Each structure stands twice: as structure tokens, then as C-alpha cells.
Amino acid sequence: MPEHLLASPAPRPVSDDRVPRRTLPTVLVALVIAGMALSAWRPHDPTTWLLETVWVLVGLPLVVLTRRRFPLTNLLCCLLAAHALVLAMGGHYTYAQVPLGDWVRDGLGLDRNPYDRFGHLMQGFVPAVLVRELLSRTSPLRGSRWLAPLTVCACLAFSAMFEMFEWAAAVIGGHAADDFLATQGDVWDTQWDMFCALIGATVSVLLLSRLHDRQLGALAATARR
């Protein structure tokens, strides 16, 4: 029998972009689970921890369960994982007492721990990509000039909703909700929080839209194979 018939068929080449697309989400899920486990270990206040991390507790299983029917871009996966770790750290220490924020406060001579401000910047920066991806893939807005402003408006609306959530927690919990509110004596804390989310969403749209569009295109091409 000819030798070429005995030889085993050559393995099919694996596209370079498929490997990270398959492995990266798994690595990120493991990282978030590890971060949440550390965060849940003897937190400053268990109730505050739950209120701060409930978004991760709900969102992570949702992303995992829908990963085959609605896979996300690598950019969005990375941002969601980063945001989850920010929430996990804030939930463990409370936002007003995160050591990293204390170091920044002392180093820059600030009058408050700025980790709360950073958290609200992330509250706009990350959801902007999430909203943009959902609108691009499920509505006629992809490529529309309305996509960017509607994305920013949606993020600002979510920030306002979160502030009402904090208000409800304060009404129900009284002083017990102080750690969750993390106002640190600032009477304008609510306005600052929404303003930071607005800045984060605007910067995200300006900086990441082109990269996001490329990844959306690659994801669509892979789905058509």
C-alpha cells in the first residue's frame, strides 16, 4: 500500500484567534471566582459585602450560562473581570477603607479615600462597552451616530438608578448603611458619583470604540463559520 495512504492525516490548523477566545474567558472566570472567594473571607461587614458584590454574584453566572448562545468579545470579558475585582475589593474593605485608596490619599494629600470615585469611574467605563456591545448586536444602531450618545446616556441612567438603590438602603438601614454609602462626609457625594460615571462612560466610548468594533467584526465572522 502506498506510504501516503498509511500516513495519518495532518492535523487541521487552529486559527490563532480561536485559542485565546476559548481560553481567555475561562482564565478570567477563575480569576474572578478566586477574587470573590478572598473578598468573602472575613469582610469588614457581611451585609455591605453582599450589597457591593451582588452584581458579580448575579452577572458571573449569567455570562457563563449564555456564553455559547451569546459569547462576548474579549475586550468586554476583560473589562467585566476587572470591574468584578474592583467591586470585590470594595466589598471586602468597604469603599471608604480600601488600603490602596488610603495610600493614594496619603501620597497625594487628599482629604478622603478616592477608591469610591475610582469605583464610580469604572461604573461608567465598563458598562459603556457592555451597553455598546448589546446595542450593536441586538439593534439597528451598529454604525449609527446615535450609538455613542445613547451608550453614555444608558450608563448615566444606570448610575442614577444605583444612587436610588443607595438611597433606599439608607432609608431602610439608617446608620447601618453608612459603610455601603461611603459618603465620607461629602454632601455632594451622590452628584460626584454620577459625574464620575459620566466621565468614565465618555472616556470609554472615545478610547475603545475602534478596538471594540474590530472585535465585534471578528466575533461576527467567527459565528458565520
C-alpha atoms as a PDB file:
ATOM      1  CA  MET A   1       0.000   0.000   0.000  1.00  0.00           C
ATOM      2  CA  PRO A   2       1.406   3.445  -0.834  1.00  0.00           C
ATOM      3  CA  GLU A   3       3.007   5.205   2.100  1.00  0.00           C
ATOM      4  CA  HIS A   4       0.879   8.301   1.682  1.00  0.00           C
ATOM      5  CA  LEU A   5      -2.238   6.218   2.437  1.00  0.00           C
ATOM      6  CA  LEU A   6      -0.723   4.870   5.639  1.00  0.00           C
ATOM      7  CA  ALA A   7       0.291   8.229   6.966  1.00  0.00           C
ATOM      8  CA  SER A   8      -2.114   9.812   9.412  1.00  0.00           C
ATOM      9  CA  PRO A   9      -3.873  12.917   8.117  1.00  0.00           C
ATOM     10  CA  ALA A  10      -2.257  16.193   9.011  1.00  0.00           C
ATOM     11  CA  PRO A  11      -3.930  17.958  11.923  1.00  0.00           C
ATOM     12  CA  ARG A  12      -6.180  20.839  10.996  1.00  0.00           C
ATOM     13  CA  PRO A  13      -4.518  24.161  11.752  1.00  0.00           C
ATOM     14  CA  VAL A  14      -6.057  26.070  14.606  1.00  0.00           C
ATOM     15  CA  SER A  15      -6.730  29.721  13.934  1.00  0.00           C
ATOM     16  CA  ASP A  16      -4.637  31.986  16.129  1.00  0.00           C
ATOM     17  CA  ASP A  17      -7.659  33.975  17.232  1.00  0.00           C
ATOM     18  CA  ARG A  18      -9.657  30.949  18.354  1.00  0.00           C
ATOM     19  CA  VAL A  19      -7.323  29.802  21.111  1.00  0.00           C
ATOM     20  CA  PRO A  20      -7.399  32.996  23.188  1.00  0.00           C
ATOM     21  CA  ARG A  21     -11.126  33.335  22.539  1.00  0.00           C
ATOM     22  CA  ARG A  22     -11.690  29.935  24.113  1.00  0.00           C
ATOM     23  CA  THR A  23      -9.166  30.091  26.927  1.00  0.00           C
ATOM     24  CA  LEU A  24      -9.299  33.739  27.998  1.00  0.00           C
ATOM     25  CA  PRO A  25     -12.875  33.666  29.350  1.00  0.00           C
ATOM     26  CA  THR A  26     -12.053  30.535  31.366  1.00  0.00           C
ATOM     27  CA  VAL A  27      -8.995  32.191  32.890  1.00  0.00           C
ATOM     28  CA  LEU A  28     -10.977  35.330  33.686  1.00  0.00           C
ATOM     29  CA  VAL A  29     -13.803  33.357  35.316  1.00  0.00           C
ATOM     30  CA  ALA A  30     -11.265  31.526  37.503  1.00  0.00           C
ATOM     31  CA  LEU A  31      -9.640  34.859  38.436  1.00  0.00           C
ATOM     32  CA  VAL A  32     -12.966  36.419  39.392  1.00  0.00           C
ATOM     33  CA  ILE A  33     -14.003  33.383  41.448  1.00  0.00           C
ATOM     34  CA  ALA A  34     -10.675  33.493  43.310  1.00  0.00           C
ATOM     35  CA  GLY A  35     -11.061  37.229  43.906  1.00  0.00           C
ATOM     36  CA  MET A  36     -14.604  36.807  45.190  1.00  0.00           C
ATOM     37  CA  ALA A  37     -13.528  33.992  47.498  1.00  0.00           C
ATOM     38  CA  LEU A  38     -10.816  36.188  49.016  1.00  0.00           C
ATOM     39  CA  SER A  39     -13.249  39.091  49.251  1.00  0.00           C
ATOM     40  CA  ALA A  40     -15.816  36.968  51.101  1.00  0.00           C
ATOM     41  CA  TRP A  41     -13.233  35.832  53.670  1.00  0.00           C
ATOM     42  CA  ARG A  42     -13.951  37.834  56.854  1.00  0.00           C
ATOM     43  CA  PRO A  43     -15.151  41.055  55.182  1.00  0.00           C
ATOM     44  CA  HIS A  44     -15.458  44.268  57.167  1.00  0.00           C
ATOM     45  CA  ASP A  45     -19.253  43.953  57.144  1.00  0.00           C
ATOM     46  CA  PRO A  46     -21.062  40.967  55.562  1.00  0.00           C
ATOM     47  CA  THR A  47     -24.155  42.981  54.619  1.00  0.00           C
ATOM     48  CA  THR A  48     -22.070  45.652  52.902  1.00  0.00           C
ATOM     49  CA  TRP A  49     -20.105  42.934  51.117  1.00  0.00           C
ATOM     50  CA  LEU A  50     -23.313  41.439  49.746  1.00  0.00           C
ATOM     51  CA  LEU A  51     -24.688  44.789  48.607  1.00  0.00           C
ATOM     52  CA  GLU A  52     -21.432  45.712  46.856  1.00  0.00           C
ATOM     53  CA  THR A  53     -20.822  42.367  45.151  1.00  0.00           C
ATOM     54  CA  VAL A  54     -24.378  41.308  44.271  1.00  0.00           C
ATOM     55  CA  TRP A  55     -23.715  42.482  40.701  1.00  0.00           C
ATOM     56  CA  VAL A  56     -20.917  39.917  40.404  1.00  0.00           C
ATOM     57  CA  LEU A  57     -22.939  37.177  42.094  1.00  0.00           C
ATOM     58  CA  VAL A  58     -25.707  37.672  39.530  1.00  0.00           C
ATOM     59  CA  GLY A  59     -23.670  38.677  36.493  1.00  0.00           C
ATOM     60  CA  LEU A  60     -20.994  35.981  36.524  1.00  0.00           C
ATOM     61  CA  PRO A  61     -23.395  33.011  36.340  1.00  0.00           C
ATOM     62  CA  LEU A  62     -25.407  34.857  33.671  1.00  0.00           C
ATOM     63  CA  VAL A  63     -22.333  35.361  31.473  1.00  0.00           C
ATOM     64  CA  VAL A  64     -21.250  31.736  31.924  1.00  0.00           C
ATOM     65  CA  LEU A  65     -24.697  30.300  31.171  1.00  0.00           C
ATOM     66  CA  THR A  66     -25.118  32.365  27.985  1.00  0.00           C
ATOM     67  CA  ARG A  67     -21.519  32.040  26.743  1.00  0.00           C
ATOM     68  CA  ARG A  68     -22.411  29.676  23.869  1.00  0.00           C
ATOM     69  CA  ARG A  69     -25.570  31.426  22.694  1.00  0.00           C
ATOM     70  CA  PHE A  70     -24.216  34.948  23.179  1.00  0.00           C
ATOM     71  CA  PRO A  71     -20.404  34.958  23.541  1.00  0.00           C
ATOM     72  CA  LEU A  72     -18.845  38.279  24.484  1.00  0.00           C
ATOM     73  CA  THR A  73     -15.833  39.978  22.951  1.00  0.00           C
ATOM     74  CA  ASN A  74     -12.500  39.539  24.695  1.00  0.00           C
ATOM     75  CA  LEU A  75     -12.411  43.261  25.423  1.00  0.00           C
ATOM     76  CA  LEU A  76     -15.707  43.130  27.279  1.00  0.00           C
ATOM     77  CA  CYS A  77     -14.712  39.952  29.133  1.00  0.00           C
ATOM     78  CA  CYS A  78     -11.514  41.598  30.389  1.00  0.00           C
ATOM     79  CA  LEU A  79     -13.330  44.753  31.457  1.00  0.00           C
ATOM     80  CA  LEU A  80     -16.065  42.834  33.258  1.00  0.00           C
ATOM     81  CA  ALA A  81     -13.447  40.806  35.135  1.00  0.00           C
ATOM     82  CA  ALA A  82     -11.568  43.960  36.131  1.00  0.00           C
ATOM     83  CA  HIS A  83     -14.784  45.593  37.325  1.00  0.00           C
ATOM     84  CA  ALA A  84     -15.682  42.482  39.311  1.00  0.00           C
ATOM     85  CA  LEU A  85     -12.338  42.631  41.129  1.00  0.00           C
ATOM     86  CA  VAL A  86     -12.857  46.333  41.883  1.00  0.00           C
ATOM     87  CA  LEU A  87     -16.249  45.504  43.386  1.00  0.00           C
ATOM     88  CA  ALA A  88     -14.817  42.566  45.311  1.00  0.00           C
ATOM     89  CA  MET A  89     -12.145  44.723  46.919  1.00  0.00           C
ATOM     90  CA  GLY A  90     -14.616  47.483  47.743  1.00  0.00           C
ATOM     91  CA  GLY A  91     -16.990  44.949  49.251  1.00  0.00           C
ATOM     92  CA  HIS A  92     -14.309  43.386  51.426  1.00  0.00           C
ATOM     93  CA  TYR A  93     -12.952  46.590  52.980  1.00  0.00           C
ATOM     94  CA  THR A  94     -15.847  48.991  52.201  1.00  0.00           C
ATOM     95  CA  TYR A  95     -15.004  51.707  49.690  1.00  0.00           C
ATOM     96  CA  ALA A  96     -14.018  54.260  52.310  1.00  0.00           C
ATOM     97  CA  GLN A  97     -11.411  51.950  53.856  1.00  0.00           C
ATOM     98  CA  VAL A  98      -9.682  50.237  50.923  1.00  0.00           C
ATOM     99  CA  PRO A  99      -5.920  50.333  51.732  1.00  0.00           C
ATOM    100  CA  LEU A 100      -4.986  51.196  48.153  1.00  0.00           C
ATOM    101  CA  GLY A 101      -7.200  54.260  48.381  1.00  0.00           C
ATOM    102  CA  ASP A 102      -5.601  55.220  51.695  1.00  0.00           C
ATOM    103  CA  TRP A 103      -2.150  55.088  50.096  1.00  0.00           C
ATOM    104  CA  VAL A 104      -3.298  57.314  47.237  1.00  0.00           C
ATOM    105  CA  ARG A 105      -4.960  59.715  49.699  1.00  0.00           C
ATOM    106  CA  ASP A 106      -1.810  59.987  51.817  1.00  0.00           C
ATOM    107  CA  GLY A 107       0.513  60.167  48.827  1.00  0.00           C
ATOM    108  CA  LEU A 108      -1.420  62.937  47.084  1.00  0.00           C
ATOM    109  CA  GLY A 109      -2.529  64.748  50.223  1.00  0.00           C
ATOM    110  CA  LEU A 110      -6.239  64.235  49.546  1.00  0.00           C
ATOM    111  CA  ASP A 111      -8.929  64.769  52.170  1.00  0.00           C
ATOM    112  CA  ARG A 112     -10.708  61.443  51.501  1.00  0.00           C
ATOM    113  CA  ASN A 113     -10.121  57.909  50.279  1.00  0.00           C
ATOM    114  CA  PRO A 114     -10.589  58.159  46.472  1.00  0.00           C
ATOM    115  CA  TYR A 115     -11.354  54.475  45.845  1.00  0.00           C
ATOM    116  CA  ASP A 116     -15.069  55.275  45.796  1.00  0.00           C
ATOM    117  CA  ARG A 117     -14.511  57.788  42.985  1.00  0.00           C
ATOM    118  CA  PHE A 118     -12.479  55.210  41.081  1.00  0.00           C
ATOM    119  CA  GLY A 119     -15.259  52.659  41.553  1.00  0.00           C
ATOM    120  CA  HIS A 120     -17.793  55.031  40.019  1.00  0.00           C
ATOM    121  CA  LEU A 121     -15.478  55.820  37.121  1.00  0.00           C
ATOM    122  CA  MET A 122     -15.425  52.074  36.473  1.00  0.00           C
ATOM    123  CA  GLN A 123     -19.218  52.063  36.835  1.00  0.00           C
ATOM    124  CA  GLY A 124     -19.311  54.164  33.671  1.00  0.00           C
ATOM    125  CA  PHE A 125     -16.209  52.883  31.863  1.00  0.00           C
ATOM    126  CA  VAL A 126     -17.089  49.174  31.844  1.00  0.00           C
ATOM    127  CA  PRO A 127     -20.884  49.314  31.325  1.00  0.00           C
ATOM    128  CA  ALA A 128     -20.257  51.604  28.330  1.00  0.00           C
ATOM    129  CA  VAL A 129     -18.664  48.702  26.459  1.00  0.00           C
ATOM    130  CA  LEU A 130     -21.356  46.325  27.690  1.00  0.00           C
ATOM    131  CA  VAL A 131     -24.172  48.618  26.531  1.00  0.00           C
ATOM    132  CA  ARG A 132     -22.375  49.316  23.254  1.00  0.00           C
ATOM    133  CA  GLU A 133     -21.967  45.593  22.578  1.00  0.00           C
ATOM    134  CA  LEU A 134     -25.591  44.803  23.354  1.00  0.00           C
ATOM    135  CA  LEU A 135     -26.891  47.644  21.189  1.00  0.00           C
ATOM    136  CA  SER A 136     -24.514  46.818  18.332  1.00  0.00           C
ATOM    137  CA  ARG A 137     -25.520  43.172  18.260  1.00  0.00           C
ATOM    138  CA  THR A 138     -29.240  43.331  19.023  1.00  0.00           C
ATOM    139  CA  SER A 139     -30.423  46.594  17.460  1.00  0.00           C
ATOM    140  CA  PRO A 140     -30.034  48.556  14.189  1.00  0.00           C
ATOM    141  CA  LEU A 141     -27.722  51.031  15.952  1.00  0.00           C
ATOM    142  CA  ARG A 142     -24.412  49.484  14.869  1.00  0.00           C
ATOM    143  CA  GLY A 143     -22.579  52.124  12.855  1.00  0.00           C
ATOM    144  CA  SER A 144     -25.141  54.762  13.752  1.00  0.00           C
ATOM    145  CA  ARG A 145     -24.100  58.176  15.014  1.00  0.00           C
ATOM    146  CA  TRP A 146     -26.611  57.663  17.838  1.00  0.00           C
ATOM    147  CA  LEU A 147     -24.767  54.668  19.262  1.00  0.00           C
ATOM    148  CA  ALA A 148     -22.211  56.691  21.256  1.00  0.00           C
ATOM    149  CA  PRO A 149     -24.591  59.215  22.897  1.00  0.00           C
ATOM    150  CA  LEU A 150     -27.182  56.546  23.688  1.00  0.00           C
ATOM    151  CA  THR A 151     -24.480  54.400  25.262  1.00  0.00           C
ATOM    152  CA  VAL A 152     -23.347  57.237  27.512  1.00  0.00           C
ATOM    153  CA  CYS A 153     -26.949  58.099  28.415  1.00  0.00           C
ATOM    154  CA  ALA A 154     -27.651  54.481  29.357  1.00  0.00           C
ATOM    155  CA  CYS A 155     -24.615  54.423  31.650  1.00  0.00           C
ATOM    156  CA  LEU A 156     -25.655  57.663  33.318  1.00  0.00           C
ATOM    157  CA  ALA A 157     -29.163  56.259  33.797  1.00  0.00           C
ATOM    158  CA  PHE A 158     -27.717  53.140  35.415  1.00  0.00           C
ATOM    159  CA  SER A 159     -25.596  55.305  37.735  1.00  0.00           C
ATOM    160  CA  ALA A 160     -28.689  57.280  38.753  1.00  0.00           C
ATOM    161  CA  MET A 161     -30.545  54.016  39.401  1.00  0.00           C
ATOM    162  CA  PHE A 162     -27.671  52.825  41.594  1.00  0.00           C
ATOM    163  CA  GLU A 163     -27.807  56.062  43.598  1.00  0.00           C
ATOM    164  CA  MET A 164     -31.510  55.459  44.221  1.00  0.00           C
ATOM    165  CA  PHE A 165     -30.595  51.961  45.328  1.00  0.00           C
ATOM    166  CA  GLU A 166     -28.154  53.506  47.831  1.00  0.00           C
ATOM    167  CA  TRP A 167     -30.873  55.945  48.950  1.00  0.00           C
ATOM    168  CA  ALA A 168     -33.258  53.036  49.608  1.00  0.00           C
ATOM    169  CA  ALA A 169     -30.536  51.244  51.576  1.00  0.00           C
ATOM    170  CA  ALA A 170     -30.005  54.368  53.685  1.00  0.00           C
ATOM    171  CA  VAL A 171     -33.731  54.718  54.381  1.00  0.00           C
ATOM    172  CA  ILE A 172     -34.080  51.068  55.358  1.00  0.00           C
ATOM    173  CA  GLY A 173     -30.774  50.580  57.163  1.00  0.00           C
ATOM    174  CA  GLY A 174     -30.193  54.016  58.694  1.00  0.00           C
ATOM    175  CA  HIS A 175     -26.663  54.373  60.075  1.00  0.00           C
ATOM    176  CA  ALA A 176     -26.070  50.683  59.393  1.00  0.00           C
ATOM    177  CA  ALA A 177     -25.842  51.596  55.689  1.00  0.00           C
ATOM    178  CA  ASP A 178     -23.048  54.160  56.195  1.00  0.00           C
ATOM    179  CA  ASP A 179     -20.343  51.743  55.049  1.00  0.00           C
ATOM    180  CA  PHE A 180     -22.318  50.981  51.900  1.00  0.00           C
ATOM    181  CA  LEU A 181     -22.901  54.657  51.104  1.00  0.00           C
ATOM    182  CA  ALA A 182     -19.239  55.621  51.691  1.00  0.00           C
ATOM    183  CA  THR A 183     -20.043  59.343  51.501  1.00  0.00           C
ATOM    184  CA  GLN A 184     -17.151  60.196  53.840  1.00  0.00           C
ATOM    185  CA  GLY A 185     -18.941  63.364  54.913  1.00  0.00           C
ATOM    186  CA  ASP A 186     -19.363  64.773  51.395  1.00  0.00           C
ATOM    187  CA  VAL A 187     -22.861  66.220  50.940  1.00  0.00           C
ATOM    188  CA  TRP A 188     -22.328  66.187  47.159  1.00  0.00           C
ATOM    189  CA  ASP A 189     -21.246  62.544  47.063  1.00  0.00           C
ATOM    190  CA  THR A 190     -24.275  61.434  45.005  1.00  0.00           C
ATOM    191  CA  GLN A 191     -23.629  64.070  42.358  1.00  0.00           C
ATOM    192  CA  TRP A 192     -19.910  63.243  42.278  1.00  0.00           C
ATOM    193  CA  ASP A 193     -20.697  59.557  41.836  1.00  0.00           C
ATOM    194  CA  MET A 194     -22.897  60.176  38.805  1.00  0.00           C
ATOM    195  CA  PHE A 195     -20.421  62.668  37.353  1.00  0.00           C
ATOM    196  CA  CYS A 196     -17.605  60.115  37.662  1.00  0.00           C
ATOM    197  CA  ALA A 197     -19.746  57.505  35.902  1.00  0.00           C
ATOM    198  CA  LEU A 198     -20.454  60.024  33.136  1.00  0.00           C
ATOM    199  CA  ILE A 199     -16.730  60.720  32.709  1.00  0.00           C
ATOM    200  CA  GLY A 200     -15.923  57.006  32.704  1.00  0.00           C
ATOM    201  CA  ALA A 201     -18.541  56.210  30.052  1.00  0.00           C
ATOM    202  CA  THR A 202     -17.472  59.108  27.830  1.00  0.00           C
ATOM    203  CA  VAL A 203     -13.776  58.201  28.025  1.00  0.00           C
ATOM    204  CA  SER A 204     -14.569  54.543  27.351  1.00  0.00           C
ATOM    205  CA  VAL A 205     -16.519  55.357  24.191  1.00  0.00           C
ATOM    206  CA  LEU A 206     -13.809  57.706  22.948  1.00  0.00           C
ATOM    207  CA  LEU A 207     -10.893  55.360  23.625  1.00  0.00           C
ATOM    208  CA  LEU A 208     -12.258  51.887  22.968  1.00  0.00           C
ATOM    209  CA  SER A 209     -14.824  52.183  20.161  1.00  0.00           C
ATOM    210  CA  ARG A 210     -12.436  51.304  17.312  1.00  0.00           C
ATOM    211  CA  LEU A 211     -10.929  48.349  19.140  1.00  0.00           C
ATOM    212  CA  HIS A 212     -14.411  47.219  20.141  1.00  0.00           C
ATOM    213  CA  ASP A 213     -15.664  47.448  16.543  1.00  0.00           C
ATOM    214  CA  ARG A 214     -12.773  45.264  15.330  1.00  0.00           C
ATOM    215  CA  GLN A 215     -13.534  42.629  17.929  1.00  0.00           C
ATOM    216  CA  LEU A 216     -17.255  42.744  17.146  1.00  0.00           C
ATOM    217  CA  GLY A 217     -16.419  42.187  13.485  1.00  0.00           C
ATOM    218  CA  ALA A 218     -14.133  39.263  14.311  1.00  0.00           C
ATOM    219  CA  LEU A 219     -16.798  37.742  16.563  1.00  0.00           C
ATOM    220  CA  ALA A 220     -19.413  38.038  13.807  1.00  0.00           C
ATOM    221  CA  ALA A 221     -17.047  36.445  11.279  1.00  0.00           C
ATOM    222  CA  THR A 222     -16.388  33.526  13.634  1.00  0.00           C
ATOM    223  CA  ALA A 223     -20.116  32.997  14.176  1.00  0.00           C
ATOM    224  CA  ARG A 224     -20.649  32.706  10.413  1.00  0.00           C
ATOM    225  CA  ARG A 225     -18.107  29.874  10.044  1.00  0.00           C
END
